[in-house]
Amino acid sequence: MLEKTDGEVLFAVEGTSSYGETFTVALQKRGLPVCEAKAPKMKARGQKGKTDEVDSHHAAVSILSKPINSLINPKNQGTVKMLRILLTARRNMTAQSVMDKNALYALLRTNNLTTGQVPVLTTAMLKIIADWSAKSDDDSAEKSIARMEARRLAQYILFRQAALNKNEKQLQKIIKAFAPSLLEFPGFGAVTSAQILCSYSYKGRFRCADAFASLAGTTPLEASSGQVVRYRLSRLGDRTLNAALSTIILTRMRCHELTKKYVEKRTVGGKSKREIKRCLKHYLARSVFRHLEKLDLSVNVCINEKGLALIE
């Protein structure tokens, strides 16, 4: 391809951080310029259907029509990619654990497997259910099957709890090596810090703190009516980042003295709890962005055979 080209070459790759990542990395190692090509929408394809020729033609037209400084340049995210993998695995394990708990509650309620009321599924109770025998002397065939299924679900829930604990420890080690100052802020934990770093991605992605706050869905939108002037949060943007900021704010509203005083002050001023949270989340998003801009996030972190985070 390069031998047949005379002049500058720019490669437009679709999915530079997913299925096109291998090709993107190979091009970057050879020192060739690469940019991200967005997939064409259905309206852009028209009646031509979906083919490689149609998609490549649309990518070339869309890239050539933009100025150089508007192109999306893929970044070698390294450590951020590790965090993203762990967070994705954590969300999957959490969702499956919730489904298993709901199924176990349903079994306990409908099959009279315990005496009295249905117990709360604490870790201690889950261990008891996981150690149940397959069948007791007075069990019917249906009840025996229900006991076996309850035991299986309890074992799966305990396994995922252990996996989630290990996942959080891995996140903690990476954050301590990559951006330890985040953990010094009140309300910040390993999971929330990892999500903020993944959404921030790399320095230069956002032009200002307001752009980062907009991605987080914390930019105030006017929702006035008549003589009432009020604002609400945007429902767009990165909802996982928004959830991480919400978790931090809820923790601060319980445990952080300055935040508690602010809540009391704004409550006396007539603000609702939802409006106070909106103000706090917007402030937090902007302050976190300014802090991240000062950090050196170009280093890479690796995990050795003992599970320790090291700087490359």
C-alpha atoms as a PDB file:
ATOM      1  CA  MET A   1       0.000   0.000   0.000  1.00  0.00           C
ATOM      2  CA  LEU A   2       2.711   2.472   0.991  1.00  0.00           C
ATOM      3  CA  GLU A   3       4.798   1.611  -2.073  1.00  0.00           C
ATOM      4  CA  LYS A   4       1.926   2.744  -4.326  1.00  0.00           C
ATOM      5  CA  THR A   5       1.480   6.061  -2.547  1.00  0.00           C
ATOM      6  CA  ASP A   6       3.458   9.201  -3.221  1.00  0.00           C
ATOM      7  CA  GLY A   7       2.868  11.822  -0.512  1.00  0.00           C
ATOM      8  CA  GLU A   8       1.684  11.865   3.069  1.00  0.00           C
ATOM      9  CA  VAL A   9      -0.395   8.948   4.347  1.00  0.00           C
ATOM     10  CA  LEU A  10      -3.024   8.945   7.094  1.00  0.00           C
ATOM     11  CA  PHE A  11      -4.683   5.714   8.243  1.00  0.00           C
ATOM     12  CA  ALA A  12      -8.304   5.989   9.406  1.00  0.00           C
ATOM     13  CA  VAL A  13      -9.196   2.940  11.524  1.00  0.00           C
ATOM     14  CA  GLU A  14     -12.606   2.145  12.924  1.00  0.00           C
ATOM     15  CA  GLY A  15     -12.643   0.831  16.491  1.00  0.00           C
ATOM     16  CA  THR A  16      -9.080   1.788  17.451  1.00  0.00           C
ATOM     17  CA  SER A  17      -9.678   0.733  21.075  1.00  0.00           C
ATOM     18  CA  SER A  18     -11.677  -2.428  20.336  1.00  0.00           C
ATOM     19  CA  TYR A  19     -11.531  -4.791  17.343  1.00  0.00           C
ATOM     20  CA  GLY A  20      -9.229  -2.451  15.394  1.00  0.00           C
ATOM     21  CA  GLU A  21      -6.711  -2.052  18.226  1.00  0.00           C
ATOM     22  CA  THR A  22      -4.253  -4.684  16.960  1.00  0.00           C
ATOM     23  CA  PHE A  23      -4.030  -3.020  13.543  1.00  0.00           C
ATOM     24  CA  THR A  24      -3.766   0.424  15.173  1.00  0.00           C
ATOM     25  CA  VAL A  25      -0.877  -0.632  17.428  1.00  0.00           C
ATOM     26  CA  ALA A  26       0.948  -2.231  14.461  1.00  0.00           C
ATOM     27  CA  LEU A  27       0.682   1.023  12.489  1.00  0.00           C
ATOM     28  CA  GLN A  28       1.814   3.140  15.430  1.00  0.00           C
ATOM     29  CA  LYS A  29       4.883   0.935  15.985  1.00  0.00           C
ATOM     30  CA  ARG A  30       5.926   1.661  12.407  1.00  0.00           C
ATOM     31  CA  GLY A  31       5.572   5.396  13.056  1.00  0.00           C
ATOM     32  CA  LEU A  32       2.552   5.842  10.771  1.00  0.00           C
ATOM     33  CA  PRO A  33      -0.158   8.413  11.604  1.00  0.00           C
ATOM     34  CA  VAL A  34      -3.501   6.910  12.657  1.00  0.00           C
ATOM     35  CA  CYS A  35      -6.845   8.506  13.462  1.00  0.00           C
ATOM     36  CA  GLU A  36     -10.215   7.176  14.619  1.00  0.00           C
ATOM     37  CA  ALA A  37     -12.920   6.722  11.967  1.00  0.00           C
ATOM     38  CA  LYS A  38     -16.470   6.709  13.301  1.00  0.00           C
ATOM     39  CA  ALA A  39     -18.850   4.068  11.968  1.00  0.00           C
ATOM     40  CA  PRO A  40     -21.388   5.525   9.505  1.00  0.00           C
ATOM     41  CA  LYS A  41     -24.979   5.841  10.641  1.00  0.00           C
ATOM     42  CA  MET A  42     -27.856   4.129   8.865  1.00  0.00           C
ATOM     43  CA  LYS A  43     -28.934   7.345   7.142  1.00  0.00           C
ATOM     44  CA  ALA A  44     -25.427   7.837   5.727  1.00  0.00           C
ATOM     45  CA  ARG A  45     -25.497   4.358   4.168  1.00  0.00           C
ATOM     46  CA  GLY A  46     -28.787   5.145   2.427  1.00  0.00           C
ATOM     47  CA  GLN A  47     -30.006   2.334   0.198  1.00  0.00           C
ATOM     48  CA  LYS A  48     -26.533   0.921  -0.409  1.00  0.00           C
ATOM     49  CA  GLY A  49     -26.618  -1.433   2.567  1.00  0.00           C
ATOM     50  CA  LYS A  50     -23.582  -2.297   4.672  1.00  0.00           C
ATOM     51  CA  THR A  51     -20.423  -3.355   2.879  1.00  0.00           C
ATOM     52  CA  ASP A  52     -16.716  -2.751   3.464  1.00  0.00           C
ATOM     53  CA  GLU A  53     -16.619  -0.555   0.367  1.00  0.00           C
ATOM     54  CA  VAL A  54     -19.446   1.673   1.621  1.00  0.00           C
ATOM     55  CA  ASP A  55     -17.940   1.988   5.100  1.00  0.00           C
ATOM     56  CA  SER A  56     -14.421   2.714   3.829  1.00  0.00           C
ATOM     57  CA  HIS A  57     -15.703   5.342   1.390  1.00  0.00           C
ATOM     58  CA  HIS A  58     -17.708   7.038   4.161  1.00  0.00           C
ATOM     59  CA  ALA A  59     -14.673   6.957   6.491  1.00  0.00           C
ATOM     60  CA  ALA A  60     -12.432   8.562   3.857  1.00  0.00           C
ATOM     61  CA  VAL A  61     -14.959  11.298   3.070  1.00  0.00           C
ATOM     62  CA  SER A  62     -15.635  12.104   6.749  1.00  0.00           C
ATOM     63  CA  ILE A  63     -11.912  12.237   7.641  1.00  0.00           C
ATOM     64  CA  LEU A  64     -10.833  14.305   4.625  1.00  0.00           C
ATOM     65  CA  SER A  65     -13.548  16.885   5.316  1.00  0.00           C
ATOM     66  CA  LYS A  66     -12.195  17.667   8.796  1.00  0.00           C
ATOM     67  CA  PRO A  67      -9.225  19.833   9.770  1.00  0.00           C
ATOM     68  CA  ILE A  68      -6.197  18.022  11.197  1.00  0.00           C
ATOM     69  CA  ASN A  69      -6.703  19.362  14.724  1.00  0.00           C
ATOM     70  CA  SER A  70     -10.266  17.954  14.808  1.00  0.00           C
ATOM     71  CA  LEU A  71      -9.261  14.347  14.147  1.00  0.00           C
ATOM     72  CA  ILE A  72      -9.401  11.786  16.950  1.00  0.00           C
ATOM     73  CA  ASN A  73      -5.936  10.432  17.627  1.00  0.00           C
ATOM     74  CA  PRO A  74      -5.899   7.025  19.384  1.00  0.00           C
ATOM     75  CA  LYS A  75      -3.796   6.831  22.518  1.00  0.00           C
ATOM     76  CA  ASN A  76      -1.859   3.927  23.974  1.00  0.00           C
ATOM     77  CA  GLN A  77      -3.776   3.830  27.249  1.00  0.00           C
ATOM     78  CA  GLY A  78      -1.784   1.086  28.986  1.00  0.00           C
ATOM     79  CA  THR A  79      -2.717   1.329  32.651  1.00  0.00           C
ATOM     80  CA  VAL A  80      -6.135   2.851  31.933  1.00  0.00           C
ATOM     81  CA  LYS A  81      -6.938  -0.186  29.818  1.00  0.00           C
ATOM     82  CA  MET A  82      -6.072  -2.453  32.760  1.00  0.00           C
ATOM     83  CA  LEU A  83      -8.443  -0.472  34.960  1.00  0.00           C
ATOM     84  CA  ARG A  84     -11.172  -0.664  32.331  1.00  0.00           C
ATOM     85  CA  ILE A  85     -10.853  -4.456  32.103  1.00  0.00           C
ATOM     86  CA  LEU A  86     -11.106  -4.825  35.885  1.00  0.00           C
ATOM     87  CA  LEU A  87     -14.100  -2.469  36.094  1.00  0.00           C
ATOM     88  CA  THR A  88     -15.927  -4.313  33.314  1.00  0.00           C
ATOM     89  CA  ALA A  89     -15.325  -7.622  35.082  1.00  0.00           C
ATOM     90  CA  ARG A  90     -16.525  -6.074  38.334  1.00  0.00           C
ATOM     91  CA  ARG A  91     -19.788  -4.878  36.795  1.00  0.00           C
ATOM     92  CA  ASN A  92     -20.444  -8.316  35.310  1.00  0.00           C
ATOM     93  CA  MET A  93     -19.739 -10.110  38.604  1.00  0.00           C
ATOM     94  CA  THR A  94     -21.888  -7.654  40.561  1.00  0.00           C
ATOM     95  CA  ALA A  95     -24.828  -8.035  38.174  1.00  0.00           C
ATOM     96  CA  GLN A  96     -24.607 -11.835  38.279  1.00  0.00           C
ATOM     97  CA  SER A  97     -24.326 -11.830  42.075  1.00  0.00           C
ATOM     98  CA  VAL A  98     -27.482  -9.709  42.377  1.00  0.00           C
ATOM     99  CA  MET A  99     -29.398 -12.089  40.099  1.00  0.00           C
ATOM    100  CA  ASP A 100     -28.211 -15.094  42.112  1.00  0.00           C
ATOM    101  CA  LYS A 101     -29.259 -13.443  45.376  1.00  0.00           C
ATOM    102  CA  ASN A 102     -32.714 -12.670  44.002  1.00  0.00           C
ATOM    103  CA  ALA A 103     -33.067 -16.267  42.807  1.00  0.00           C
ATOM    104  CA  LEU A 104     -31.970 -17.574  46.223  1.00  0.00           C
ATOM    105  CA  TYR A 105     -34.468 -15.337  48.028  1.00  0.00           C
ATOM    106  CA  ALA A 106     -37.203 -16.633  45.736  1.00  0.00           C
ATOM    107  CA  LEU A 107     -36.256 -20.249  46.506  1.00  0.00           C
ATOM    108  CA  LEU A 108     -36.263 -19.649  50.243  1.00  0.00           C
ATOM    109  CA  ARG A 109     -39.646 -17.901  50.156  1.00  0.00           C
ATOM    110  CA  THR A 110     -41.487 -20.395  47.960  1.00  0.00           C
ATOM    111  CA  ASN A 111     -40.112 -23.722  49.233  1.00  0.00           C
ATOM    112  CA  ASN A 112     -40.073 -23.306  53.032  1.00  0.00           C
ATOM    113  CA  LEU A 113     -36.398 -24.265  53.292  1.00  0.00           C
ATOM    114  CA  THR A 114     -35.825 -22.401  56.558  1.00  0.00           C
ATOM    115  CA  THR A 115     -37.809 -22.199  59.760  1.00  0.00           C
ATOM    116  CA  GLY A 116     -39.518 -18.897  60.468  1.00  0.00           C
ATOM    117  CA  GLN A 117     -39.000 -15.842  58.282  1.00  0.00           C
ATOM    118  CA  VAL A 118     -36.682 -15.774  55.292  1.00  0.00           C
ATOM    119  CA  PRO A 119     -33.226 -14.872  56.670  1.00  0.00           C
ATOM    120  CA  VAL A 120     -31.129 -11.961  55.478  1.00  0.00           C
ATOM    121  CA  LEU A 121     -28.445 -13.294  53.154  1.00  0.00           C
ATOM    122  CA  THR A 122     -25.400 -12.200  55.095  1.00  0.00           C
ATOM    123  CA  THR A 123     -22.043 -13.835  54.475  1.00  0.00           C
ATOM    124  CA  ALA A 124     -22.508 -16.032  57.548  1.00  0.00           C
ATOM    125  CA  MET A 125     -25.948 -17.152  56.362  1.00  0.00           C
ATOM    126  CA  LEU A 126     -24.652 -17.850  52.856  1.00  0.00           C
ATOM    127  CA  LYS A 127     -21.942 -20.091  54.324  1.00  0.00           C
ATOM    128  CA  ILE A 128     -24.592 -22.042  56.254  1.00  0.00           C
ATOM    129  CA  ILE A 129     -26.704 -22.547  53.121  1.00  0.00           C
ATOM    130  CA  ALA A 130     -23.632 -23.486  51.077  1.00  0.00           C
ATOM    131  CA  ASP A 131     -22.908 -26.281  53.591  1.00  0.00           C
ATOM    132  CA  TRP A 132     -26.424 -27.747  53.462  1.00  0.00           C
ATOM    133  CA  SER A 133     -26.670 -31.434  52.752  1.00  0.00           C
ATOM    134  CA  ALA A 134     -28.372 -32.446  49.530  1.00  0.00           C
ATOM    135  CA  LYS A 135     -31.345 -33.995  51.340  1.00  0.00           C
ATOM    136  CA  SER A 136     -32.671 -34.233  54.878  1.00  0.00           C
ATOM    137  CA  ASP A 137     -34.792 -37.114  56.228  1.00  0.00           C
ATOM    138  CA  ASP A 138     -38.174 -35.370  55.976  1.00  0.00           C
ATOM    139  CA  ASP A 139     -37.623 -33.729  52.566  1.00  0.00           C
ATOM    140  CA  SER A 140     -39.796 -34.445  49.570  1.00  0.00           C
ATOM    141  CA  ALA A 141     -38.303 -34.764  46.105  1.00  0.00           C
ATOM    142  CA  GLU A 142     -39.251 -31.174  45.267  1.00  0.00           C
ATOM    143  CA  LYS A 143     -37.749 -29.834  48.482  1.00  0.00           C
ATOM    144  CA  SER A 144     -34.516 -31.780  47.914  1.00  0.00           C
ATOM    145  CA  ILE A 145     -34.116 -30.206  44.467  1.00  0.00           C
ATOM    146  CA  ALA A 146     -34.776 -26.767  45.973  1.00  0.00           C
ATOM    147  CA  ARG A 147     -32.115 -27.367  48.680  1.00  0.00           C
ATOM    148  CA  MET A 148     -29.566 -28.424  46.052  1.00  0.00           C
ATOM    149  CA  GLU A 149     -30.294 -25.329  43.977  1.00  0.00           C
ATOM    150  CA  ALA A 150     -30.116 -23.061  47.048  1.00  0.00           C
ATOM    151  CA  ARG A 151     -26.765 -24.569  47.997  1.00  0.00           C
ATOM    152  CA  ARG A 152     -25.434 -24.026  44.455  1.00  0.00           C
ATOM    153  CA  LEU A 153     -26.569 -20.385  44.402  1.00  0.00           C
ATOM    154  CA  ALA A 154     -25.029 -19.703  47.833  1.00  0.00           C
ATOM    155  CA  GLN A 155     -21.719 -21.195  46.705  1.00  0.00           C
ATOM    156  CA  TYR A 156     -21.734 -19.067  43.541  1.00  0.00           C
ATOM    157  CA  ILE A 157     -22.510 -15.891  45.525  1.00  0.00           C
ATOM    158  CA  LEU A 158     -19.664 -16.571  47.967  1.00  0.00           C
ATOM    159  CA  PHE A 159     -17.306 -17.267  45.079  1.00  0.00           C
ATOM    160  CA  ARG A 160     -18.183 -13.970  43.413  1.00  0.00           C
ATOM    161  CA  GLN A 161     -17.838 -12.079  46.691  1.00  0.00           C
ATOM    162  CA  ALA A 162     -14.289 -13.409  47.007  1.00  0.00           C
ATOM    163  CA  ALA A 163     -13.630 -12.506  43.362  1.00  0.00           C
ATOM    164  CA  LEU A 164     -14.974  -8.976  43.913  1.00  0.00           C
ATOM    165  CA  ASN A 165     -12.715  -8.535  46.950  1.00  0.00           C
ATOM    166  CA  LYS A 166      -9.722  -9.661  44.908  1.00  0.00           C
ATOM    167  CA  ASN A 167     -10.775  -7.344  42.078  1.00  0.00           C
ATOM    168  CA  GLU A 168     -10.909  -4.360  44.455  1.00  0.00           C
ATOM    169  CA  LYS A 169      -7.458  -5.196  45.862  1.00  0.00           C
ATOM    170  CA  GLN A 170      -6.047  -5.256  42.315  1.00  0.00           C
ATOM    171  CA  LEU A 171      -7.622  -1.871  41.607  1.00  0.00           C
ATOM    172  CA  GLN A 172      -6.218  -0.529  44.870  1.00  0.00           C
ATOM    173  CA  LYS A 173      -2.667  -1.615  43.993  1.00  0.00           C
ATOM    174  CA  ILE A 174      -2.837  -0.086  40.522  1.00  0.00           C
ATOM    175  CA  ILE A 175      -4.287   3.210  41.781  1.00  0.00           C
ATOM    176  CA  LYS A 176      -1.629   3.457  44.508  1.00  0.00           C
ATOM    177  CA  ALA A 177       1.094   3.058  41.884  1.00  0.00           C
ATOM    178  CA  PHE A 178      -0.562   5.123  39.132  1.00  0.00           C
ATOM    179  CA  ALA A 179      -2.371   8.009  40.890  1.00  0.00           C
ATOM    180  CA  PRO A 180      -2.084   7.606  44.694  1.00  0.00           C
ATOM    181  CA  SER A 181      -3.119  11.195  45.386  1.00  0.00           C
ATOM    182  CA  LEU A 182      -6.714  10.406  44.387  1.00  0.00           C
ATOM    183  CA  LEU A 183      -7.100   8.077  47.367  1.00  0.00           C
ATOM    184  CA  GLU A 184      -6.184  10.953  49.705  1.00  0.00           C
ATOM    185  CA  PHE A 185      -9.384  12.854  48.832  1.00  0.00           C
ATOM    186  CA  PRO A 186     -12.321  12.248  51.191  1.00  0.00           C
ATOM    187  CA  GLY A 187     -14.850   9.748  49.864  1.00  0.00           C
ATOM    188  CA  PHE A 188     -12.569   8.346  47.166  1.00  0.00           C
ATOM    189  CA  GLY A 189     -12.038   4.585  46.987  1.00  0.00           C
ATOM    190  CA  ALA A 190     -10.331   2.219  44.594  1.00  0.00           C
ATOM    191  CA  VAL A 191     -13.420   1.600  42.441  1.00  0.00           C
ATOM    192  CA  THR A 192     -14.527   5.228  42.139  1.00  0.00           C
ATOM    193  CA  SER A 193     -10.959   6.421  41.468  1.00  0.00           C
ATOM    194  CA  ALA A 194     -10.521   3.778  38.767  1.00  0.00           C
ATOM    195  CA  GLN A 195     -13.744   4.852  37.057  1.00  0.00           C
ATOM    196  CA  ILE A 196     -12.723   8.514  37.116  1.00  0.00           C
ATOM    197  CA  LEU A 197      -9.344   7.669  35.568  1.00  0.00           C
ATOM    198  CA  CYS A 198     -10.987   5.551  32.855  1.00  0.00           C
ATOM    199  CA  SER A 199     -13.399   8.336  31.937  1.00  0.00           C
ATOM    200  CA  TYR A 200     -10.626  10.941  31.989  1.00  0.00           C
ATOM    201  CA  SER A 201      -8.504   8.539  29.861  1.00  0.00           C
ATOM    202  CA  TYR A 202      -5.570  10.803  28.977  1.00  0.00           C
ATOM    203  CA  LYS A 203      -4.423  14.387  29.226  1.00  0.00           C
ATOM    204  CA  GLY A 204      -5.738  16.494  26.370  1.00  0.00           C
ATOM    205  CA  ARG A 205      -8.997  14.628  25.838  1.00  0.00           C
ATOM    206  CA  PHE A 206     -10.984  17.515  27.390  1.00  0.00           C
ATOM    207  CA  ARG A 207     -10.403  21.141  26.579  1.00  0.00           C
ATOM    208  CA  CYS A 208     -11.518  22.391  30.020  1.00  0.00           C
ATOM    209  CA  ALA A 209     -13.149  21.423  33.316  1.00  0.00           C
ATOM    210  CA  ASP A 210     -16.606  22.252  31.959  1.00  0.00           C
ATOM    211  CA  ALA A 211     -16.170  19.694  29.170  1.00  0.00           C
ATOM    212  CA  PHE A 212     -15.310  16.998  31.730  1.00  0.00           C
ATOM    213  CA  ALA A 213     -18.303  18.015  33.864  1.00  0.00           C
ATOM    214  CA  SER A 214     -20.493  17.779  30.768  1.00  0.00           C
ATOM    215  CA  LEU A 215     -19.287  14.222  30.119  1.00  0.00           C
ATOM    216  CA  ALA A 216     -20.061  13.370  33.739  1.00  0.00           C
ATOM    217  CA  GLY A 217     -23.621  14.640  33.307  1.00  0.00           C
ATOM    218  CA  THR A 218     -23.181  17.222  36.073  1.00  0.00           C
ATOM    219  CA  THR A 219     -23.604  20.348  33.952  1.00  0.00           C
ATOM    220  CA  PRO A 220     -26.654  22.233  35.241  1.00  0.00           C
ATOM    221  CA  LEU A 221     -29.538  22.505  32.791  1.00  0.00           C
ATOM    222  CA  GLU A 222     -32.227  25.113  33.282  1.00  0.00           C
ATOM    223  CA  ALA A 223     -35.613  23.639  34.218  1.00  0.00           C
ATOM    224  CA  SER A 224     -37.488  26.822  35.095  1.00  0.00           C
ATOM    225  CA  SER A 225     -41.244  27.194  34.964  1.00  0.00           C
ATOM    226  CA  GLY A 226     -43.124  30.452  35.372  1.00  0.00           C
ATOM    227  CA  GLN A 227     -41.591  32.429  38.207  1.00  0.00           C
ATOM    228  CA  VAL A 228     -39.668  29.440  39.544  1.00  0.00           C
ATOM    229  CA  VAL A 229     -36.047  29.452  38.385  1.00  0.00           C
ATOM    230  CA  ARG A 230     -34.285  26.145  38.981  1.00  0.00           C
ATOM    231  CA  TYR A 231     -31.711  23.824  37.403  1.00  0.00           C
ATOM    232  CA  ARG A 232     -31.362  20.064  37.099  1.00  0.00           C
ATOM    233  CA  LEU A 233     -28.645  17.614  36.128  1.00  0.00           C
ATOM    234  CA  SER A 234     -28.139  16.416  32.585  1.00  0.00           C
ATOM    235  CA  ARG A 235     -29.233  12.825  31.969  1.00  0.00           C
ATOM    236  CA  LEU A 236     -26.676  12.417  29.188  1.00  0.00           C
ATOM    237  CA  GLY A 237     -22.955  11.696  29.309  1.00  0.00           C
ATOM    238  CA  ASP A 238     -20.992   8.888  30.911  1.00  0.00           C
ATOM    239  CA  ARG A 239     -23.398   7.353  33.433  1.00  0.00           C
ATOM    240  CA  THR A 240     -20.720   5.195  35.072  1.00  0.00           C
ATOM    241  CA  LEU A 241     -18.685   8.329  35.799  1.00  0.00           C
ATOM    242  CA  ASN A 242     -21.834  10.019  37.089  1.00  0.00           C
ATOM    243  CA  ALA A 243     -22.493   7.048  39.387  1.00  0.00           C
ATOM    244  CA  ALA A 244     -18.922   7.200  40.735  1.00  0.00           C
ATOM    245  CA  LEU A 245     -19.303  10.905  41.553  1.00  0.00           C
ATOM    246  CA  SER A 246     -22.671  10.194  43.215  1.00  0.00           C
ATOM    247  CA  THR A 247     -21.067   7.530  45.416  1.00  0.00           C
ATOM    248  CA  ILE A 248     -18.348   9.952  46.509  1.00  0.00           C
ATOM    249  CA  ILE A 249     -20.860  12.708  47.273  1.00  0.00           C
ATOM    250  CA  LEU A 250     -23.125  10.392  49.297  1.00  0.00           C
ATOM    251  CA  THR A 251     -20.099   9.270  51.323  1.00  0.00           C
ATOM    252  CA  ARG A 252     -19.055  12.871  51.944  1.00  0.00           C
ATOM    253  CA  MET A 253     -22.581  13.859  52.963  1.00  0.00           C
ATOM    254  CA  ARG A 254     -22.401  11.195  55.684  1.00  0.00           C
ATOM    255  CA  CYS A 255     -18.796  11.480  56.877  1.00  0.00           C
ATOM    256  CA  HIS A 256     -17.146  14.712  55.644  1.00  0.00           C
ATOM    257  CA  GLU A 257     -17.642  17.654  58.010  1.00  0.00           C
ATOM    258  CA  LEU A 258     -17.212  20.412  55.399  1.00  0.00           C
ATOM    259  CA  THR A 259     -19.742  18.758  53.105  1.00  0.00           C
ATOM    260  CA  LYS A 260     -22.202  18.289  55.980  1.00  0.00           C
ATOM    261  CA  LYS A 261     -21.938  21.974  56.858  1.00  0.00           C
ATOM    262  CA  TYR A 262     -22.488  22.914  53.203  1.00  0.00           C
ATOM    263  CA  VAL A 263     -25.602  20.706  53.057  1.00  0.00           C
ATOM    264  CA  GLU A 264     -27.001  22.323  56.209  1.00  0.00           C
ATOM    265  CA  LYS A 265     -26.332  25.809  54.839  1.00  0.00           C
ATOM    266  CA  ARG A 266     -28.006  25.134  51.476  1.00  0.00           C
ATOM    267  CA  THR A 267     -30.929  23.338  53.141  1.00  0.00           C
ATOM    268  CA  VAL A 268     -31.617  26.427  55.268  1.00  0.00           C
ATOM    269  CA  GLY A 269     -31.438  28.450  52.059  1.00  0.00           C
ATOM    270  CA  GLY A 270     -34.322  26.445  50.582  1.00  0.00           C
ATOM    271  CA  LYS A 271     -32.449  23.987  48.357  1.00  0.00           C
ATOM    272  CA  SER A 272     -33.738  20.437  48.059  1.00  0.00           C
ATOM    273  CA  LYS A 273     -31.477  17.451  48.657  1.00  0.00           C
ATOM    274  CA  ARG A 274     -31.416  16.678  44.931  1.00  0.00           C
ATOM    275  CA  GLU A 275     -30.375  20.235  44.064  1.00  0.00           C
ATOM    276  CA  ILE A 276     -27.649  20.163  46.720  1.00  0.00           C
ATOM    277  CA  LYS A 277     -26.280  16.923  45.273  1.00  0.00           C
ATOM    278  CA  ARG A 278     -26.286  18.503  41.817  1.00  0.00           C
ATOM    279  CA  CYS A 279     -24.179  21.433  43.038  1.00  0.00           C
ATOM    280  CA  LEU A 280     -21.775  19.137  44.876  1.00  0.00           C
ATOM    281  CA  LYS A 281     -21.336  16.792  41.900  1.00  0.00           C
ATOM    282  CA  HIS A 282     -20.660  19.682  39.528  1.00  0.00           C
ATOM    283  CA  TYR A 283     -18.067  21.119  41.905  1.00  0.00           C
ATOM    284  CA  LEU A 284     -16.473  17.694  42.410  1.00  0.00           C
ATOM    285  CA  ALA A 285     -16.232  16.985  38.662  1.00  0.00           C
ATOM    286  CA  ARG A 286     -14.455  20.290  38.022  1.00  0.00           C
ATOM    287  CA  SER A 287     -12.064  19.954  40.971  1.00  0.00           C
ATOM    288  CA  VAL A 288     -11.163  16.356  40.063  1.00  0.00           C
ATOM    289  CA  PHE A 289     -10.423  17.394  36.478  1.00  0.00           C
ATOM    290  CA  ARG A 290      -8.104  20.196  37.613  1.00  0.00           C
ATOM    291  CA  HIS A 291      -6.276  17.730  39.863  1.00  0.00           C
ATOM    292  CA  LEU A 292      -5.894  15.133  37.097  1.00  0.00           C
ATOM    293  CA  GLU A 293      -4.468  17.757  34.756  1.00  0.00           C
ATOM    294  CA  LYS A 294      -1.566  18.235  37.191  1.00  0.00           C
ATOM    295  CA  LEU A 295      -0.693  14.521  37.404  1.00  0.00           C
ATOM    296  CA  ASP A 296       1.781  12.641  35.246  1.00  0.00           C
ATOM    297  CA  LEU A 297      -0.360   9.834  33.799  1.00  0.00           C
ATOM    298  CA  SER A 298       2.090   8.826  31.076  1.00  0.00           C
ATOM    299  CA  VAL A 299       3.661   6.068  33.203  1.00  0.00           C
ATOM    300  CA  ASN A 300       2.610   2.440  32.826  1.00  0.00           C
ATOM    301  CA  VAL A 301       1.911   0.001  35.619  1.00  0.00           C
ATOM    302  CA  CYS A 302       2.510  -3.732  35.399  1.00  0.00           C
ATOM    303  CA  ILE A 303       1.601  -6.574  37.751  1.00  0.00           C
ATOM    304  CA  ASN A 304       4.292  -9.107  38.605  1.00  0.00           C
ATOM    305  CA  GLU A 305       3.785 -12.726  39.647  1.00  0.00           C
ATOM    306  CA  LYS A 306       3.158 -11.697  43.278  1.00  0.00           C
ATOM    307  CA  GLY A 307       0.376  -9.333  42.231  1.00  0.00           C
ATOM    308  CA  LEU A 308       2.306  -6.169  43.057  1.00  0.00           C
ATOM    309  CA  ALA A 309       1.915  -2.981  41.024  1.00  0.00           C
ATOM    310  CA  LEU A 310       5.172  -1.709  39.553  1.00  0.00           C
ATOM    311  CA  ILE A 311       6.004   1.348  37.450  1.00  0.00           C
ATOM    312  CA  GLU A 312       7.573   0.577  34.077  1.00  0.00           C
END
